Amino acid sequence: MEEISKILPLIFKKQVCCSDPRVVEILGPLWPQVAGKPMARHSKPVAFEQGTLTLESDCSNWCTQLRSMAEEIKTGINGYFGVSVVRKLQVRYVAKPISLPPPVHKGTGVN
């Protein structure tokens, strides 16, 4: 795994240096490795525009935590890419709809 962590920044550097970097597309599947599993369970990258990465979180407490860690998160992401592409971090709360199990229909006993 350590070998891959040395190679990935070289690969990503080429991708993020273009005029239209695909930061969210690259970060999305790798978010648990970049952010750590606890943070990734409650947040995800959703947009990147002009140096600003937008994260969404399903928990207001995590939003507060992400905002307080903004500099650390940016440094980690930029280190992962091997280039300073993220200059600003924006965090927004998005409530997840509650998924209820489908209703259980009891048999009528009629065949």
C-alpha atoms as a PDB file:
ATOM      1  CA  MET A   1       0.000   0.000   0.000  1.00  0.00           C
ATOM      2  CA  GLU A   2       2.876   2.353   0.735  1.00  0.00           C
ATOM      3  CA  GLU A   3       4.195   1.843  -2.798  1.00  0.00           C
ATOM      4  CA  ILE A   4       0.853   2.898  -4.267  1.00  0.00           C
ATOM      5  CA  SER A   5       0.808   6.019  -2.097  1.00  0.00           C
ATOM      6  CA  LYS A   6       4.071   7.056  -3.752  1.00  0.00           C
ATOM      7  CA  ILE A   7       2.803   6.448  -7.283  1.00  0.00           C
ATOM      8  CA  LEU A   8      -0.700   7.958  -7.034  1.00  0.00           C
ATOM      9  CA  PRO A   9       0.409  11.593  -6.605  1.00  0.00           C
ATOM     10  CA  LEU A  10       2.421  11.325  -9.829  1.00  0.00           C
ATOM     11  CA  ILE A  11      -0.620  10.029 -11.702  1.00  0.00           C
ATOM     12  CA  PHE A  12      -3.035  12.547 -10.163  1.00  0.00           C
ATOM     13  CA  LYS A  13      -0.683  15.468 -10.740  1.00  0.00           C
ATOM     14  CA  LYS A  14      -1.169  15.088 -14.486  1.00  0.00           C
ATOM     15  CA  GLN A  15      -4.953  14.954 -14.060  1.00  0.00           C
ATOM     16  CA  VAL A  16      -5.347  17.972 -11.779  1.00  0.00           C
ATOM     17  CA  CYS A  17      -2.968  20.229 -13.675  1.00  0.00           C
ATOM     18  CA  CYS A  18      -5.248  20.366 -16.684  1.00  0.00           C
ATOM     19  CA  SER A  19      -7.647  23.279 -17.171  1.00  0.00           C
ATOM     20  CA  ASP A  20     -10.663  21.219 -16.061  1.00  0.00           C
ATOM     21  CA  PRO A  21      -9.501  19.062 -13.155  1.00  0.00           C
ATOM     22  CA  ARG A  22     -11.740  16.148 -12.258  1.00  0.00           C
ATOM     23  CA  VAL A  23     -11.093  16.433  -8.531  1.00  0.00           C
ATOM     24  CA  VAL A  24     -14.456  15.066  -7.386  1.00  0.00           C
ATOM     25  CA  GLU A  25     -14.302  12.155  -9.819  1.00  0.00           C
ATOM     26  CA  ILE A  26     -10.846  11.249  -8.540  1.00  0.00           C
ATOM     27  CA  LEU A  27     -11.578  11.822  -4.842  1.00  0.00           C
ATOM     28  CA  GLY A  28     -14.993  10.152  -4.733  1.00  0.00           C
ATOM     29  CA  PRO A  29     -13.921   6.510  -4.852  1.00  0.00           C
ATOM     30  CA  LEU A  30     -10.765   7.212  -2.849  1.00  0.00           C
ATOM     31  CA  TRP A  31     -12.397   9.374  -0.175  1.00  0.00           C
ATOM     32  CA  PRO A  32     -12.120   6.751   2.636  1.00  0.00           C
ATOM     33  CA  GLN A  33      -8.359   6.493   2.021  1.00  0.00           C
ATOM     34  CA  VAL A  34      -7.897  10.259   1.707  1.00  0.00           C
ATOM     35  CA  ALA A  35     -10.147  11.384   4.574  1.00  0.00           C
ATOM     36  CA  GLY A  36     -10.129   8.319   6.784  1.00  0.00           C
ATOM     37  CA  LYS A  37     -13.021   5.911   7.247  1.00  0.00           C
ATOM     38  CA  PRO A  38     -14.834   7.705  10.099  1.00  0.00           C
ATOM     39  CA  MET A  39     -14.911  11.009   8.207  1.00  0.00           C
ATOM     40  CA  ALA A  40     -15.813   9.310   4.928  1.00  0.00           C
ATOM     41  CA  ARG A  41     -18.837   7.624   6.529  1.00  0.00           C
ATOM     42  CA  HIS A  42     -20.367  11.048   7.105  1.00  0.00           C
ATOM     43  CA  SER A  43     -19.027  13.160   4.252  1.00  0.00           C
ATOM     44  CA  LYS A  44     -18.273  13.104   0.559  1.00  0.00           C
ATOM     45  CA  PRO A  45     -16.822  15.445  -2.044  1.00  0.00           C
ATOM     46  CA  VAL A  46     -19.587  16.728  -4.334  1.00  0.00           C
ATOM     47  CA  ALA A  47     -18.229  19.690  -6.302  1.00  0.00           C
ATOM     48  CA  PHE A  48     -15.012  21.413  -7.281  1.00  0.00           C
ATOM     49  CA  GLU A  49     -14.848  24.793  -8.933  1.00  0.00           C
ATOM     50  CA  GLN A  50     -12.063  27.362  -9.172  1.00  0.00           C
ATOM     51  CA  GLY A  51     -10.040  25.861  -6.339  1.00  0.00           C
ATOM     52  CA  THR A  52     -13.001  25.341  -3.984  1.00  0.00           C
ATOM     53  CA  LEU A  53     -13.875  21.792  -2.971  1.00  0.00           C
ATOM     54  CA  THR A  54     -17.386  21.327  -1.607  1.00  0.00           C
ATOM     55  CA  LEU A  55     -18.050  18.530   0.850  1.00  0.00           C
ATOM     56  CA  GLU A  56     -21.469  17.386   1.990  1.00  0.00           C
ATOM     57  CA  SER A  57     -22.136  15.783   5.332  1.00  0.00           C
ATOM     58  CA  ASP A  58     -25.177  13.981   6.701  1.00  0.00           C
ATOM     59  CA  CYS A  59     -24.540  15.226  10.245  1.00  0.00           C
ATOM     60  CA  SER A  60     -24.354  18.794  11.541  1.00  0.00           C
ATOM     61  CA  ASN A  61     -21.744  17.762  14.132  1.00  0.00           C
ATOM     62  CA  TRP A  62     -19.540  16.389  11.368  1.00  0.00           C
ATOM     63  CA  CYS A  63     -20.006  19.622   9.413  1.00  0.00           C
ATOM     64  CA  THR A  64     -18.609  21.522  12.377  1.00  0.00           C
ATOM     65  CA  GLN A  65     -15.717  19.082  12.677  1.00  0.00           C
ATOM     66  CA  LEU A  66     -14.936  19.275   8.954  1.00  0.00           C
ATOM     67  CA  ARG A  67     -14.942  23.077   9.047  1.00  0.00           C
ATOM     68  CA  SER A  68     -12.584  23.130  12.013  1.00  0.00           C
ATOM     69  CA  MET A  69     -10.251  20.726  10.199  1.00  0.00           C
ATOM     70  CA  ALA A  70     -10.398  22.558   6.852  1.00  0.00           C
ATOM     71  CA  GLU A  71      -6.661  23.344   6.720  1.00  0.00           C
ATOM     72  CA  GLU A  72      -5.698  19.771   7.613  1.00  0.00           C
ATOM     73  CA  ILE A  73      -8.131  18.357   5.051  1.00  0.00           C
ATOM     74  CA  LYS A  74      -6.851  20.674   2.288  1.00  0.00           C
ATOM     75  CA  THR A  75      -3.253  19.812   3.119  1.00  0.00           C
ATOM     76  CA  GLY A  76      -4.047  16.098   3.051  1.00  0.00           C
ATOM     77  CA  ILE A  77      -5.894  16.290  -0.259  1.00  0.00           C
ATOM     78  CA  ASN A  78      -3.213  18.426  -1.889  1.00  0.00           C
ATOM     79  CA  GLY A  79      -0.548  16.067  -0.572  1.00  0.00           C
ATOM     80  CA  TYR A  80      -2.475  13.147  -1.994  1.00  0.00           C
ATOM     81  CA  PHE A  81      -2.610  14.844  -5.399  1.00  0.00           C
ATOM     82  CA  GLY A  82       0.974  16.019  -5.214  1.00  0.00           C
ATOM     83  CA  VAL A  83      -0.053  19.554  -6.199  1.00  0.00           C
ATOM     84  CA  SER A  84      -1.967  22.390  -4.485  1.00  0.00           C
ATOM     85  CA  VAL A  85      -5.262  22.199  -6.311  1.00  0.00           C
ATOM     86  CA  VAL A  86      -7.688  22.747  -3.388  1.00  0.00           C
ATOM     87  CA  ARG A  87      -7.400  26.300  -2.075  1.00  0.00           C
ATOM     88  CA  LYS A  88     -10.688  26.495  -0.185  1.00  0.00           C
ATOM     89  CA  LEU A  89     -12.993  23.985   1.464  1.00  0.00           C
ATOM     90  CA  GLN A  90     -16.741  24.467   1.715  1.00  0.00           C
ATOM     91  CA  VAL A  91     -18.884  22.190   3.879  1.00  0.00           C
ATOM     92  CA  ARG A  92     -22.639  21.916   3.741  1.00  0.00           C
ATOM     93  CA  TYR A  93     -25.154  19.856   5.644  1.00  0.00           C
ATOM     94  CA  VAL A  94     -27.527  17.662   3.683  1.00  0.00           C
ATOM     95  CA  ALA A  95     -30.063  15.684   5.666  1.00  0.00           C
ATOM     96  CA  LYS A  96     -30.433  12.157   4.417  1.00  0.00           C
ATOM     97  CA  PRO A  97     -33.998  10.990   3.997  1.00  0.00           C
ATOM     98  CA  ILE A  98     -34.853   8.238   6.409  1.00  0.00           C
ATOM     99  CA  SER A  99     -35.140   4.952   4.576  1.00  0.00           C
ATOM    100  CA  LEU A 100     -37.939   2.958   6.063  1.00  0.00           C
ATOM    101  CA  PRO A 101     -38.228  -0.736   5.327  1.00  0.00           C
ATOM    102  CA  PRO A 102     -41.087  -1.654   3.010  1.00  0.00           C
ATOM    103  CA  PRO A 103     -44.372  -2.402   4.762  1.00  0.00           C
ATOM    104  CA  VAL A 104     -44.882  -6.010   5.739  1.00  0.00           C
ATOM    105  CA  HIS A 105     -48.132  -7.432   4.434  1.00  0.00           C
ATOM    106  CA  LYS A 106     -49.470 -10.259   6.487  1.00  0.00           C
ATOM    107  CA  GLY A 107     -51.075 -13.053   4.582  1.00  0.00           C
ATOM    108  CA  THR A 108     -54.834 -13.020   4.424  1.00  0.00           C
ATOM    109  CA  GLY A 109     -55.007 -16.762   4.774  1.00  0.00           C
ATOM    110  CA  VAL A 110     -56.964 -16.898   1.523  1.00  0.00           C
ATOM    111  CA  ASN A 111     -55.420 -19.071  -1.194  1.00  0.00           C
END
